[in-house]
Amino acid sequence: MEATGKVEYYDVDRGFGFVGCAGIDGTVFVHASNVRTEGTTLQVGDTVALDIVPGDRRPVGKRVTLIYGG
């Protein structure tokens, strides 16, 4: 499922974070390896586009692209 959302938390040192998306209960897990915008580090408040797939504990964001920096 394609969606847009805002970064709610991102830990640069650990390489992961969580994105809030409309229509999704809770947040979507995002790993740094799935961020497609080269040289980009996500920050809280950034708007991103992503594909959401089922994960073990929560939905997971794949093919994450920065739309607008927060």
PDB file of N, CA and C in Angstrom:
ATOM      1  N   MET A   1       0.841  -1.167   0.000  1.00  0.00           N
ATOM      2  CA  MET A   1       0.000   0.000   0.000  1.00  0.00           C
ATOM      3  C   MET A   1       0.892   1.238   0.000  1.00  0.00           C
ATOM      4  N   GLU A   2       0.651   2.153  -0.915  1.00  0.00           N
ATOM      5  CA  GLU A   2       1.404   3.400  -0.950  1.00  0.00           C
ATOM      6  C   GLU A   2       0.767   4.407  -0.003  1.00  0.00           C
ATOM      7  N   ALA A   3       1.603   5.209   0.646  1.00  0.00           N
ATOM      8  CA  ALA A   3       1.097   6.185   1.607  1.00  0.00           C
ATOM      9  C   ALA A   3       2.091   7.328   1.755  1.00  0.00           C
ATOM     10  N   THR A   4       1.633   8.387   2.401  1.00  0.00           N
ATOM     11  CA  THR A   4       2.520   9.458   2.838  1.00  0.00           C
ATOM     12  C   THR A   4       2.347   9.598   4.338  1.00  0.00           C
ATOM     13  N   GLY A   5       3.384  10.113   4.981  1.00  0.00           N
ATOM     14  CA  GLY A   5       3.310  10.287   6.422  1.00  0.00           C
ATOM     15  C   GLY A   5       4.404  11.200   6.919  1.00  0.00           C
ATOM     16  N   LYS A   6       4.384  11.449   8.227  1.00  0.00           N
ATOM     17  CA  LYS A   6       5.388  12.304   8.870  1.00  0.00           C
ATOM     18  C   LYS A   6       6.242  11.475   9.807  1.00  0.00           C
ATOM     19  N   VAL A   7       7.532  11.764   9.790  1.00  0.00           N
ATOM     20  CA  VAL A   7       8.460  11.086  10.685  1.00  0.00           C
ATOM     21  C   VAL A   7       8.164  11.542  12.111  1.00  0.00           C
ATOM     22  N   GLU A   8       7.864  10.583  12.983  1.00  0.00           N
ATOM     23  CA  GLU A   8       7.576  10.892  14.387  1.00  0.00           C
ATOM     24  C   GLU A   8       8.804  10.693  15.265  1.00  0.00           C
ATOM     25  N   TYR A   9       9.681   9.775  14.856  1.00  0.00           N
ATOM     26  CA  TYR A   9      10.897   9.474  15.617  1.00  0.00           C
ATOM     27  C   TYR A   9      11.908   8.915  14.630  1.00  0.00           C
ATOM     28  N   TYR A  10      13.179   9.315  14.773  1.00  0.00           N
ATOM     29  CA  TYR A  10      14.235   8.728  13.958  1.00  0.00           C
ATOM     30  C   TYR A  10      15.551   8.808  14.704  1.00  0.00           C
ATOM     31  N   ASP A  11      16.221   7.672  14.851  1.00  0.00           N
ATOM     32  CA  ASP A  11      17.505   7.596  15.546  1.00  0.00           C
ATOM     33  C   ASP A  11      18.596   7.364  14.500  1.00  0.00           C
ATOM     34  N   VAL A  12      19.348   8.401  14.186  1.00  0.00           N
ATOM     35  CA  VAL A  12      20.384   8.332  13.163  1.00  0.00           C
ATOM     36  C   VAL A  12      21.443   7.294  13.529  1.00  0.00           C
ATOM     37  N   ASP A  13      21.838   7.256  14.781  1.00  0.00           N
ATOM     38  CA  ASP A  13      22.889   6.328  15.213  1.00  0.00           C
ATOM     39  C   ASP A  13      22.474   4.868  15.067  1.00  0.00           C
ATOM     40  N   ARG A  14      21.214   4.579  15.321  1.00  0.00           N
ATOM     41  CA  ARG A  14      20.731   3.196  15.235  1.00  0.00           C
ATOM     42  C   ARG A  14      20.147   2.870  13.859  1.00  0.00           C
ATOM     43  N   GLY A  15      19.861   3.900  13.051  1.00  0.00           N
ATOM     44  CA  GLY A  15      19.419   3.693  11.679  1.00  0.00           C
ATOM     45  C   GLY A  15      17.977   3.252  11.496  1.00  0.00           C
ATOM     46  N   PHE A  16      17.110   3.689  12.394  1.00  0.00           N
ATOM     47  CA  PHE A  16      15.698   3.367  12.212  1.00  0.00           C
ATOM     48  C   PHE A  16      14.821   4.427  12.860  1.00  0.00           C
ATOM     49  N   GLY A  17      13.538   4.367  12.510  1.00  0.00           N
ATOM     50  CA  GLY A  17      12.592   5.301  13.094  1.00  0.00           C
ATOM     51  C   GLY A  17      11.169   4.852  12.813  1.00  0.00           C
ATOM     52  N   PHE A  18      10.227   5.770  13.089  1.00  0.00           N
ATOM     53  CA  PHE A  18       8.811   5.460  12.944  1.00  0.00           C
ATOM     54  C   PHE A  18       8.106   6.621  12.262  1.00  0.00           C
ATOM     55  N   VAL A  19       7.182   6.267  11.372  1.00  0.00           N
ATOM     56  CA  VAL A  19       6.429   7.250  10.600  1.00  0.00           C
ATOM     57  C   VAL A  19       4.947   7.076  10.910  1.00  0.00           C
ATOM     58  N   GLY A  20       4.263   8.177  11.138  1.00  0.00           N
ATOM     59  CA  GLY A  20       2.818   8.155  11.324  1.00  0.00           C
ATOM     60  C   GLY A  20       2.137   8.394   9.989  1.00  0.00           C
ATOM     61  N   CYS A  21       1.197   7.524   9.633  1.00  0.00           N
ATOM     62  CA  CYS A  21       0.475   7.626   8.365  1.00  0.00           C
ATOM     63  C   CYS A  21      -1.024   7.597   8.629  1.00  0.00           C
ATOM     64  N   ALA A  22      -1.783   8.402   7.896  1.00  0.00           N
ATOM     65  CA  ALA A  22      -3.238   8.392   8.009  1.00  0.00           C
ATOM     66  C   ALA A  22      -3.761   7.012   7.614  1.00  0.00           C
ATOM     67  N   GLY A  23      -4.734   6.522   8.357  1.00  0.00           N
ATOM     68  CA  GLY A  23      -5.334   5.230   8.055  1.00  0.00           C
ATOM     69  C   GLY A  23      -4.592   4.036   8.622  1.00  0.00           C
ATOM     70  N   ILE A  24      -3.491   4.276   9.326  1.00  0.00           N
ATOM     71  CA  ILE A  24      -2.713   3.195   9.939  1.00  0.00           C
ATOM     72  C   ILE A  24      -2.781   3.367  11.460  1.00  0.00           C
ATOM     73  N   ASP A  25      -3.196   2.318  12.156  1.00  0.00           N
ATOM     74  CA  ASP A  25      -3.173   2.362  13.620  1.00  0.00           C
ATOM     75  C   ASP A  25      -1.731   2.246  14.072  1.00  0.00           C
ATOM     76  N   GLY A  26      -1.289   3.140  14.920  1.00  0.00           N
ATOM     77  CA  GLY A  26       0.093   3.113  15.394  1.00  0.00           C
ATOM     78  C   GLY A  26       1.015   3.747  14.366  1.00  0.00           C
ATOM     79  N   THR A  27       2.254   3.285  14.344  1.00  0.00           N
ATOM     80  CA  THR A  27       3.254   3.856  13.452  1.00  0.00           C
ATOM     81  C   THR A  27       3.844   2.782  12.547  1.00  0.00           C
ATOM     82  N   VAL A  28       4.566   3.233  11.530  1.00  0.00           N
ATOM     83  CA  VAL A  28       5.205   2.342  10.561  1.00  0.00           C
ATOM     84  C   VAL A  28       6.708   2.364  10.829  1.00  0.00           C
ATOM     85  N   PHE A  29       7.323   1.190  10.958  1.00  0.00           N
ATOM     86  CA  PHE A  29       8.758   1.072  11.187  1.00  0.00           C
ATOM     87  C   PHE A  29       9.503   1.361   9.885  1.00  0.00           C
ATOM     88  N   VAL A  30      10.555   2.181   9.965  1.00  0.00           N
ATOM     89  CA  VAL A  30      11.373   2.503   8.794  1.00  0.00           C
ATOM     90  C   VAL A  30      12.841   2.288   9.145  1.00  0.00           C
ATOM     91  N   HIS A  31      13.539   1.487   8.324  1.00  0.00           N
ATOM     92  CA  HIS A  31      14.971   1.264   8.497  1.00  0.00           C
ATOM     93  C   HIS A  31      15.729   2.119   7.486  1.00  0.00           C
ATOM     94  N   ALA A  32      16.905   2.585   7.861  1.00  0.00           N
ATOM     95  CA  ALA A  32      17.713   3.447   6.997  1.00  0.00           C
ATOM     96  C   ALA A  32      17.974   2.823   5.629  1.00  0.00           C
ATOM     97  N   SER A  33      18.074   1.511   5.562  1.00  0.00           N
ATOM     98  CA  SER A  33      18.350   0.836   4.285  1.00  0.00           C
ATOM     99  C   SER A  33      17.201   0.968   3.292  1.00  0.00           C
ATOM    100  N   ASN A  34      16.027   1.383   3.767  1.00  0.00           N
ATOM    101  CA  ASN A  34      14.863   1.545   2.891  1.00  0.00           C
ATOM    102  C   ASN A  34      14.630   2.987   2.458  1.00  0.00           C
ATOM    103  N   VAL A  35      15.509   3.905   2.872  1.00  0.00           N
ATOM    104  CA  VAL A  35      15.382   5.314   2.462  1.00  0.00           C
ATOM    105  C   VAL A  35      16.042   5.464   1.099  1.00  0.00           C
ATOM    106  N   ARG A  36      15.249   5.852   0.096  1.00  0.00           N
ATOM    107  CA  ARG A  36      15.725   5.902  -1.283  1.00  0.00           C
ATOM    108  C   ARG A  36      16.399   7.214  -1.650  1.00  0.00           C
ATOM    109  N   THR A  37      16.120   8.285  -0.941  1.00  0.00           N
ATOM    110  CA  THR A  37      16.698   9.578  -1.258  1.00  0.00           C
ATOM    111  C   THR A  37      18.145   9.577  -0.783  1.00  0.00           C
ATOM    112  N   GLU A  38      19.076   9.387  -1.711  1.00  0.00           N
ATOM    113  CA  GLU A  38      20.492   9.210  -1.383  1.00  0.00           C
ATOM    114  C   GLU A  38      21.047  10.385  -0.594  1.00  0.00           C
ATOM    115  N   GLY A  39      21.836  10.074   0.428  1.00  0.00           N
ATOM    116  CA  GLY A  39      22.461  11.106   1.239  1.00  0.00           C
ATOM    117  C   GLY A  39      21.524  11.773   2.226  1.00  0.00           C
ATOM    118  N   THR A  40      20.309  11.236   2.344  1.00  0.00           N
ATOM    119  CA  THR A  40      19.305  11.842   3.216  1.00  0.00           C
ATOM    120  C   THR A  40      19.228  11.112   4.542  1.00  0.00           C
ATOM    121  N   THR A  41      19.208  11.871   5.609  1.00  0.00           N
ATOM    122  CA  THR A  41      18.929  11.346   6.937  1.00  0.00           C
ATOM    123  C   THR A  41      17.576  11.907   7.345  1.00  0.00           C
ATOM    124  N   LEU A  42      16.663  11.043   7.679  1.00  0.00           N
ATOM    125  CA  LEU A  42      15.344  11.507   8.075  1.00  0.00           C
ATOM    126  C   LEU A  42      15.412  12.229   9.409  1.00  0.00           C
ATOM    127  N   GLN A  43      14.511  13.199   9.565  1.00  0.00           N
ATOM    128  CA  GLN A  43      14.412  13.962  10.807  1.00  0.00           C
ATOM    129  C   GLN A  43      12.947  14.045  11.205  1.00  0.00           C
ATOM    130  N   VAL A  44      12.709  14.208  12.485  1.00  0.00           N
ATOM    131  CA  VAL A  44      11.344  14.359  12.985  1.00  0.00           C
ATOM    132  C   VAL A  44      10.680  15.528  12.260  1.00  0.00           C
ATOM    133  N   GLY A  45       9.466  15.281  11.776  1.00  0.00           N
ATOM    134  CA  GLY A  45       8.707  16.305  11.070  1.00  0.00           C
ATOM    135  C   GLY A  45       8.796  16.210   9.555  1.00  0.00           C
ATOM    136  N   ASP A  46       9.761  15.445   9.028  1.00  0.00           N
ATOM    137  CA  ASP A  46       9.869  15.266   7.580  1.00  0.00           C
ATOM    138  C   ASP A  46       8.624  14.554   7.050  1.00  0.00           C
ATOM    139  N   THR A  47       8.206  14.942   5.845  1.00  0.00           N
ATOM    140  CA  THR A  47       7.116  14.249   5.155  1.00  0.00           C
ATOM    141  C   THR A  47       7.737  13.288   4.153  1.00  0.00           C
ATOM    142  N   VAL A  48       7.277  12.040   4.166  1.00  0.00           N
ATOM    143  CA  VAL A  48       7.839  11.009   3.291  1.00  0.00           C
ATOM    144  C   VAL A  48       6.728  10.266   2.552  1.00  0.00           C
ATOM    145  N   ALA A  49       7.095   9.702   1.407  1.00  0.00           N
ATOM    146  CA  ALA A  49       6.237   8.755   0.692  1.00  0.00           C
ATOM    147  C   ALA A  49       6.850   7.380   0.907  1.00  0.00           C
ATOM    148  N   LEU A  50       6.018   6.358   1.057  1.00  0.00           N
ATOM    149  CA  LEU A  50       6.529   5.026   1.323  1.00  0.00           C
ATOM    150  C   LEU A  50       5.522   3.962   0.927  1.00  0.00           C
ATOM    151  N   ASP A  51       6.025   2.770   0.705  1.00  0.00           N
ATOM    152  CA  ASP A  51       5.180   1.594   0.509  1.00  0.00           C
ATOM    153  C   ASP A  51       5.124   0.879   1.855  1.00  0.00           C
ATOM    154  N   ILE A  52       3.930   0.502   2.276  1.00  0.00           N
ATOM    155  CA  ILE A  52       3.754  -0.162   3.568  1.00  0.00           C
ATOM    156  C   ILE A  52       3.467  -1.638   3.343  1.00  0.00           C
ATOM    157  N   VAL A  53       4.254  -2.478   4.013  1.00  0.00           N
ATOM    158  CA  VAL A  53       4.080  -3.934   3.935  1.00  0.00           C
ATOM    159  C   VAL A  53       3.946  -4.485   5.357  1.00  0.00           C
ATOM    160  N   PRO A  54       3.305  -5.636   5.506  1.00  0.00           N
ATOM    161  CA  PRO A  54       3.191  -6.232   6.844  1.00  0.00           C
ATOM    162  C   PRO A  54       4.564  -6.604   7.400  1.00  0.00           C
ATOM    163  N   GLY A  55       4.736  -6.406   8.692  1.00  0.00           N
ATOM    164  CA  GLY A  55       5.969  -6.793   9.368  1.00  0.00           C
ATOM    165  C   GLY A  55       5.662  -7.758  10.494  1.00  0.00           C
ATOM    166  N   ASP A  56       6.696  -8.214  11.199  1.00  0.00           N
ATOM    167  CA  ASP A  56       6.501  -9.156  12.296  1.00  0.00           C
ATOM    168  C   ASP A  56       5.723  -8.538  13.455  1.00  0.00           C
ATOM    169  N   ARG A  57       6.072  -7.295  13.820  1.00  0.00           N
ATOM    170  CA  ARG A  57       5.440  -6.652  14.976  1.00  0.00           C
ATOM    171  C   ARG A  57       4.531  -5.493  14.595  1.00  0.00           C
ATOM    172  N   ARG A  58       4.843  -4.833  13.483  1.00  0.00           N
ATOM    173  CA  ARG A  58       4.086  -3.659  13.046  1.00  0.00           C
ATOM    174  C   ARG A  58       4.321  -3.495  11.550  1.00  0.00           C
ATOM    175  N   PRO A  59       3.557  -2.626  10.876  1.00  0.00           N
ATOM    176  CA  PRO A  59       3.803  -2.381   9.457  1.00  0.00           C
ATOM    177  C   PRO A  59       5.222  -1.831   9.235  1.00  0.00           C
ATOM    178  N   VAL A  60       5.790  -2.137   8.065  1.00  0.00           N
ATOM    179  CA  VAL A  60       7.148  -1.727   7.719  1.00  0.00           C
ATOM    180  C   VAL A  60       7.111  -0.866   6.463  1.00  0.00           C
ATOM    181  N   GLY A  61       7.885   0.220   6.471  1.00  0.00           N
ATOM    182  CA  GLY A  61       7.975   1.098   5.307  1.00  0.00           C
ATOM    183  C   GLY A  61       9.108   0.690   4.393  1.00  0.00           C
ATOM    184  N   LYS A  62       8.811   0.533   3.122  1.00  0.00           N
ATOM    185  CA  LYS A  62       9.798   0.208   2.094  1.00  0.00           C
ATOM    186  C   LYS A  62       9.814   1.345   1.081  1.00  0.00           C
ATOM    187  N   ARG A  63      10.909   1.483   0.325  1.00  0.00           N
ATOM    188  CA  ARG A  63      11.025   2.503  -0.718  1.00  0.00           C
ATOM    189  C   ARG A  63      10.590   3.882  -0.192  1.00  0.00           C
ATOM    190  N   VAL A  64      11.217   4.309   0.890  1.00  0.00           N
ATOM    191  CA  VAL A  64      10.889   5.573   1.553  1.00  0.00           C
ATOM    192  C   VAL A  64      11.582   6.717   0.818  1.00  0.00           C
ATOM    193  N   THR A  65      10.803   7.739   0.439  1.00  0.00           N
ATOM    194  CA  THR A  65      11.334   8.894  -0.295  1.00  0.00           C
ATOM    195  C   THR A  65      10.932  10.176   0.430  1.00  0.00           C
ATOM    196  N   LEU A  66      11.917  11.043   0.654  1.00  0.00           N
ATOM    197  CA  LEU A  66      11.645  12.332   1.286  1.00  0.00           C
ATOM    198  C   LEU A  66      10.872  13.224   0.331  1.00  0.00           C
ATOM    199  N   ILE A  67       9.739  13.756   0.799  1.00  0.00           N
ATOM    200  CA  ILE A  67       8.947  14.705   0.014  1.00  0.00           C
ATOM    201  C   ILE A  67       9.264  16.124   0.437  1.00  0.00           C
ATOM    202  N   TYR A  68       9.285  16.343   1.753  1.00  0.00           N
ATOM    203  CA  TYR A  68       9.490  17.692   2.285  1.00  0.00           C
ATOM    204  C   TYR A  68      10.177  17.601   3.639  1.00  0.00           C
ATOM    205  N   GLY A  69      11.260  18.325   3.790  1.00  0.00           N
ATOM    206  CA  GLY A  69      11.957  18.364   5.084  1.00  0.00           C
ATOM    207  C   GLY A  69      11.170  19.172   6.089  1.00  0.00           C
ATOM    208  N   GLY A  70      11.106  18.654   7.336  1.00  0.00           N
ATOM    209  CA  GLY A  70      10.303  19.240   8.393  1.00  0.00           C
ATOM    210  C   GLY A  70      10.763  20.540   8.862  1.00  0.00           C
TER     211      GLY A  70
END
